[in-house]
Each structure stands twice: as structure tokens, then as C-alpha cells.
N, C-alpha and C. Protein backbone atom coordinates (compact mmCIF):
# COMPACT_ATOMS: atom_id res chain seq x y z
N UNK A 1 82.96 1.26 51.16
CA UNK A 1 83.76 0.15 50.69
C UNK A 1 84.44 0.57 49.39
N UNK A 2 85.71 0.24 49.26
CA UNK A 2 86.46 0.54 48.05
C UNK A 2 86.95 -0.78 47.47
N UNK A 3 86.62 -1.00 46.19
CA UNK A 3 87.08 -2.21 45.54
C UNK A 3 87.11 -2.01 44.04
N UNK A 4 87.93 -2.77 43.40
CA UNK A 4 88.02 -2.77 41.95
C UNK A 4 86.74 -3.38 41.40
N UNK A 5 86.16 -2.72 40.40
CA UNK A 5 84.93 -3.23 39.78
C UNK A 5 85.10 -3.31 38.27
N UNK A 6 84.21 -4.06 37.66
CA UNK A 6 84.21 -4.19 36.21
C UNK A 6 83.91 -2.85 35.55
N UNK A 7 84.36 -2.71 34.32
CA UNK A 7 84.30 -1.44 33.60
C UNK A 7 82.89 -0.87 33.43
N UNK A 8 81.88 -1.73 33.32
CA UNK A 8 80.52 -1.24 33.06
C UNK A 8 79.68 -1.03 34.32
N UNK A 9 80.24 -1.31 35.48
CA UNK A 9 79.49 -1.15 36.74
C UNK A 9 78.98 0.28 36.92
N UNK A 10 79.76 1.32 36.61
CA UNK A 10 79.24 2.68 36.81
C UNK A 10 77.98 3.00 36.01
N UNK A 11 77.72 2.24 34.94
CA UNK A 11 76.53 2.48 34.13
C UNK A 11 75.24 2.17 34.87
N UNK A 12 75.28 1.22 35.80
CA UNK A 12 74.05 0.86 36.50
C UNK A 12 74.14 0.99 38.01
N UNK A 13 75.32 1.08 38.55
CA UNK A 13 75.47 1.31 39.99
C UNK A 13 75.79 2.79 40.18
N UNK A 14 74.77 3.61 39.95
CA UNK A 14 74.97 5.05 39.93
C UNK A 14 75.00 5.68 41.32
N UNK A 15 74.75 4.88 42.33
CA UNK A 15 74.74 5.38 43.71
C UNK A 15 76.15 5.60 44.26
N UNK A 16 77.17 5.11 43.56
CA UNK A 16 78.55 5.19 44.05
C UNK A 16 79.34 6.19 43.21
N UNK A 17 80.50 6.54 43.71
CA UNK A 17 81.43 7.36 42.93
C UNK A 17 82.59 6.47 42.49
N UNK A 18 83.24 6.88 41.42
CA UNK A 18 84.29 6.07 40.83
C UNK A 18 85.46 6.97 40.45
N UNK A 19 86.66 6.37 40.44
CA UNK A 19 87.84 7.04 39.91
C UNK A 19 88.74 5.97 39.31
N UNK A 20 89.50 6.36 38.34
CA UNK A 20 90.44 5.42 37.74
C UNK A 20 91.68 5.34 38.63
N UNK A 21 92.11 4.13 38.89
CA UNK A 21 93.28 3.94 39.74
C UNK A 21 94.55 4.43 39.05
N UNK A 22 95.44 4.98 39.85
CA UNK A 22 96.76 5.37 39.36
C UNK A 22 97.56 4.10 39.10
N UNK A 23 98.53 4.16 38.20
CA UNK A 23 99.33 2.96 37.90
C UNK A 23 99.92 2.27 39.14
N UNK A 24 100.36 3.05 40.12
CA UNK A 24 100.99 2.44 41.30
C UNK A 24 99.97 1.82 42.26
N UNK A 25 98.68 2.00 42.02
CA UNK A 25 97.62 1.41 42.86
C UNK A 25 97.06 0.12 42.26
N UNK A 26 97.35 -0.13 41.02
CA UNK A 26 96.66 -1.19 40.28
C UNK A 26 97.04 -2.60 40.71
N UNK A 27 98.30 -2.84 40.98
CA UNK A 27 98.71 -4.20 41.34
C UNK A 27 98.05 -4.64 42.65
N UNK A 28 98.07 -3.79 43.66
CA UNK A 28 97.42 -4.13 44.93
C UNK A 28 95.93 -4.35 44.74
N UNK A 29 95.31 -3.51 43.90
CA UNK A 29 93.87 -3.67 43.64
C UNK A 29 93.58 -5.01 42.98
N UNK A 30 94.42 -5.42 42.05
CA UNK A 30 94.24 -6.72 41.40
C UNK A 30 94.46 -7.87 42.37
N UNK A 31 95.45 -7.75 43.23
CA UNK A 31 95.69 -8.79 44.24
C UNK A 31 94.49 -8.90 45.18
N UNK A 32 93.98 -7.76 45.62
CA UNK A 32 92.80 -7.79 46.49
C UNK A 32 91.58 -8.36 45.77
N UNK A 33 91.44 -8.05 44.49
CA UNK A 33 90.29 -8.53 43.73
C UNK A 33 90.34 -10.04 43.55
N UNK A 34 91.50 -10.58 43.30
CA UNK A 34 91.59 -12.03 43.11
C UNK A 34 91.29 -12.76 44.41
N UNK A 35 91.69 -12.18 45.54
CA UNK A 35 91.35 -12.76 46.85
C UNK A 35 89.85 -12.66 47.08
N UNK A 36 89.27 -11.51 46.77
CA UNK A 36 87.81 -11.32 46.91
C UNK A 36 87.05 -12.37 46.09
N UNK A 37 87.47 -12.54 44.85
CA UNK A 37 86.78 -13.50 43.98
C UNK A 37 87.00 -14.94 44.46
N UNK A 38 88.19 -15.25 44.95
CA UNK A 38 88.44 -16.60 45.49
C UNK A 38 87.55 -16.87 46.70
N UNK A 39 87.35 -15.87 47.53
CA UNK A 39 86.44 -16.03 48.67
C UNK A 39 85.01 -16.25 48.22
N UNK A 40 84.63 -15.61 47.12
CA UNK A 40 83.29 -15.82 46.58
C UNK A 40 83.14 -17.22 45.99
N UNK A 41 84.22 -17.76 45.43
CA UNK A 41 84.21 -19.16 44.99
C UNK A 41 83.95 -20.06 46.19
N UNK A 42 84.66 -19.81 47.26
CA UNK A 42 84.52 -20.61 48.48
C UNK A 42 83.09 -20.56 49.01
N UNK A 43 82.44 -19.41 48.91
CA UNK A 43 81.10 -19.22 49.46
C UNK A 43 79.98 -19.58 48.49
N UNK A 44 80.31 -19.98 47.29
CA UNK A 44 79.28 -20.25 46.28
C UNK A 44 78.29 -21.30 46.77
N UNK A 45 76.99 -20.99 46.76
CA UNK A 45 76.00 -21.91 47.31
C UNK A 45 75.56 -23.02 46.36
N UNK A 46 75.85 -22.87 45.07
CA UNK A 46 75.41 -23.90 44.11
C UNK A 46 76.35 -23.88 42.90
N UNK A 47 76.18 -24.86 42.03
CA UNK A 47 77.08 -25.00 40.88
C UNK A 47 77.00 -23.82 39.91
N UNK A 48 75.83 -23.25 39.72
CA UNK A 48 75.71 -22.11 38.82
C UNK A 48 76.48 -20.90 39.36
N UNK A 49 76.32 -20.62 40.64
CA UNK A 49 77.05 -19.51 41.23
C UNK A 49 78.55 -19.80 41.23
N UNK A 50 78.92 -21.05 41.49
CA UNK A 50 80.33 -21.44 41.45
C UNK A 50 80.92 -21.14 40.09
N UNK A 51 80.21 -21.49 39.03
CA UNK A 51 80.69 -21.23 37.68
C UNK A 51 80.88 -19.74 37.44
N UNK A 52 79.93 -18.94 37.90
CA UNK A 52 80.03 -17.48 37.75
C UNK A 52 81.25 -16.94 38.49
N UNK A 53 81.47 -17.43 39.69
CA UNK A 53 82.60 -16.93 40.49
C UNK A 53 83.94 -17.40 39.92
N UNK A 54 83.99 -18.64 39.42
CA UNK A 54 85.21 -19.11 38.76
C UNK A 54 85.51 -18.28 37.52
N UNK A 55 84.45 -17.89 36.80
CA UNK A 55 84.63 -17.02 35.63
C UNK A 55 85.21 -15.67 36.06
N UNK A 56 84.77 -15.17 37.20
CA UNK A 56 85.31 -13.91 37.70
C UNK A 56 86.79 -14.05 38.06
N UNK A 57 87.16 -15.14 38.70
CA UNK A 57 88.56 -15.39 39.03
C UNK A 57 89.40 -15.42 37.75
N UNK A 58 88.89 -16.13 36.76
CA UNK A 58 89.59 -16.25 35.48
C UNK A 58 89.77 -14.88 34.81
N UNK A 59 88.72 -14.07 34.85
CA UNK A 59 88.78 -12.74 34.25
C UNK A 59 89.82 -11.88 34.94
N UNK A 60 89.83 -11.89 36.26
CA UNK A 60 90.82 -11.10 36.99
C UNK A 60 92.23 -11.62 36.70
N UNK A 61 92.38 -12.92 36.62
CA UNK A 61 93.68 -13.51 36.31
C UNK A 61 94.15 -13.05 34.93
N UNK A 62 93.27 -13.04 33.95
CA UNK A 62 93.64 -12.56 32.62
C UNK A 62 94.11 -11.11 32.65
N UNK A 63 93.38 -10.27 33.37
CA UNK A 63 93.76 -8.86 33.48
C UNK A 63 95.10 -8.73 34.19
N UNK A 64 95.29 -9.52 35.24
CA UNK A 64 96.55 -9.47 36.00
C UNK A 64 97.73 -9.87 35.11
N UNK A 65 97.56 -10.93 34.34
CA UNK A 65 98.63 -11.35 33.44
C UNK A 65 98.97 -10.24 32.45
N UNK A 66 97.94 -9.63 31.89
CA UNK A 66 98.16 -8.54 30.94
C UNK A 66 98.86 -7.36 31.63
N UNK A 67 98.41 -7.02 32.82
CA UNK A 67 99.00 -5.93 33.58
C UNK A 67 100.49 -6.17 33.83
N UNK A 68 100.86 -7.40 34.12
CA UNK A 68 102.25 -7.74 34.41
C UNK A 68 103.04 -8.16 33.15
N UNK A 69 102.39 -8.04 31.99
CA UNK A 69 103.02 -8.43 30.72
C UNK A 69 103.50 -9.87 30.73
N UNK A 70 102.65 -10.74 31.27
CA UNK A 70 102.93 -12.18 31.29
C UNK A 70 101.97 -12.83 30.32
N UNK A 71 102.51 -13.59 29.39
CA UNK A 71 101.66 -14.26 28.41
C UNK A 71 101.01 -15.51 29.03
N UNK A 72 99.91 -15.92 28.44
CA UNK A 72 99.26 -17.15 28.90
C UNK A 72 100.22 -18.33 28.71
N UNK A 73 101.02 -18.26 27.67
CA UNK A 73 101.99 -19.32 27.42
C UNK A 73 103.02 -19.41 28.55
N UNK A 74 103.49 -18.25 29.01
CA UNK A 74 104.42 -18.23 30.15
C UNK A 74 103.77 -18.82 31.39
N UNK A 75 102.53 -18.43 31.63
CA UNK A 75 101.81 -18.96 32.79
C UNK A 75 101.68 -20.47 32.69
N UNK A 76 101.24 -20.94 31.54
CA UNK A 76 101.05 -22.39 31.38
C UNK A 76 102.36 -23.16 31.46
N UNK A 77 103.44 -22.55 31.01
CA UNK A 77 104.76 -23.17 31.15
C UNK A 77 105.10 -23.32 32.63
N UNK A 78 104.80 -22.28 33.42
CA UNK A 78 105.05 -22.34 34.86
C UNK A 78 104.16 -23.38 35.53
N UNK A 79 102.91 -23.47 35.09
CA UNK A 79 101.99 -24.48 35.61
C UNK A 79 102.57 -25.87 35.39
N UNK A 80 103.02 -26.13 34.19
CA UNK A 80 103.57 -27.44 33.86
C UNK A 80 104.86 -27.72 34.63
N UNK A 81 105.70 -26.72 34.79
CA UNK A 81 106.95 -26.89 35.56
C UNK A 81 106.63 -27.24 37.01
N UNK A 82 105.65 -26.56 37.58
CA UNK A 82 105.28 -26.82 38.98
C UNK A 82 104.67 -28.22 39.12
N UNK A 83 103.84 -28.60 38.16
CA UNK A 83 103.27 -29.95 38.18
C UNK A 83 104.36 -31.00 38.10
N UNK A 84 105.34 -30.78 37.23
CA UNK A 84 106.44 -31.74 37.08
C UNK A 84 107.24 -31.86 38.37
N UNK A 85 107.43 -30.74 39.05
CA UNK A 85 108.23 -30.74 40.27
C UNK A 85 107.46 -31.26 41.48
N UNK A 86 106.22 -30.79 41.65
CA UNK A 86 105.48 -31.09 42.88
C UNK A 86 104.18 -31.83 42.67
N UNK A 87 103.79 -32.03 41.41
CA UNK A 87 102.54 -32.72 41.12
C UNK A 87 101.38 -31.75 41.00
N UNK A 88 100.21 -32.33 40.74
CA UNK A 88 98.99 -31.53 40.61
C UNK A 88 98.15 -31.67 41.87
N UNK A 89 96.86 -31.59 41.67
CA UNK A 89 95.93 -31.72 42.79
C UNK A 89 94.89 -32.82 42.52
N UNK A 90 95.24 -33.76 41.66
CA UNK A 90 94.27 -34.77 41.23
C UNK A 90 94.02 -35.86 42.26
N UNK A 91 94.92 -36.02 43.21
CA UNK A 91 94.74 -37.04 44.24
C UNK A 91 93.99 -36.52 45.45
N UNK A 92 93.73 -35.23 45.49
CA UNK A 92 92.99 -34.59 46.60
C UNK A 92 93.59 -34.95 47.95
N UNK A 93 94.90 -34.79 48.09
CA UNK A 93 95.60 -35.09 49.33
C UNK A 93 95.44 -33.94 50.32
N UNK A 94 95.09 -34.26 51.53
CA UNK A 94 94.96 -33.25 52.58
C UNK A 94 96.12 -33.45 53.56
N UNK A 95 96.92 -32.41 53.76
CA UNK A 95 98.07 -32.48 54.66
C UNK A 95 97.63 -31.99 56.05
N UNK A 96 97.99 -32.74 57.07
CA UNK A 96 97.72 -32.36 58.44
C UNK A 96 99.06 -32.22 59.14
N UNK A 97 99.37 -31.02 59.58
CA UNK A 97 100.66 -30.78 60.25
C UNK A 97 100.54 -30.85 61.77
N UNK A 98 99.33 -31.10 62.27
CA UNK A 98 99.16 -31.27 63.71
C UNK A 98 99.73 -32.63 64.11
N UNK A 99 100.40 -32.68 65.22
CA UNK A 99 101.00 -33.96 65.66
C UNK A 99 100.18 -34.55 66.79
């Protein structure tokens, strides 16, 4: 299995080999990692694990923003623009496109 891991993982997961990704490999690795972490959020069995997995999503998002040279302010501006245009998720509306 090949996946992006946290910087200190090689210190204790000595059974694996590691290499630093080339610049042209990093964006795809970050995209895959955010999907991996989102799936772990979905599978979280309890609130404590959910919090841990949400923290992982947040951490990957921070790294992704930095990688793409996007400030948190730019992100939050986009969040607010999208909310203004389409709303948030506070009403918990479920769309069914089956007829």
C-alpha cells in the first residue's frame, strides 16, 4: 500500500520504506489523502474517533492550502461566497433525484 503519511510515522513504523514525493506527485497525494481521511470520518465508530478523524481532515486541508498557496482568509471568503449563493448545510436537506 502506498499513501501519504505524517512526518513522524517513519520513526515508529519501521517495517515500511519511505521516500519523499516529487513536487509533481504531491497534489494527487494530497487529494487522495483528503479522500482517505473523509472515508475514515464516515467510518468513525464513536465521537472520540470522529474527532480524531476530523482533526486529520483539517490537518490535510491546512497542508493542501499551503501547498497551493491559498490563505485561510481566501478559503473562508470562498466559504462565505458559496453560503451566500447556495446556503449552508444547517437545514440538513436531503435531495432525492429518483422519480
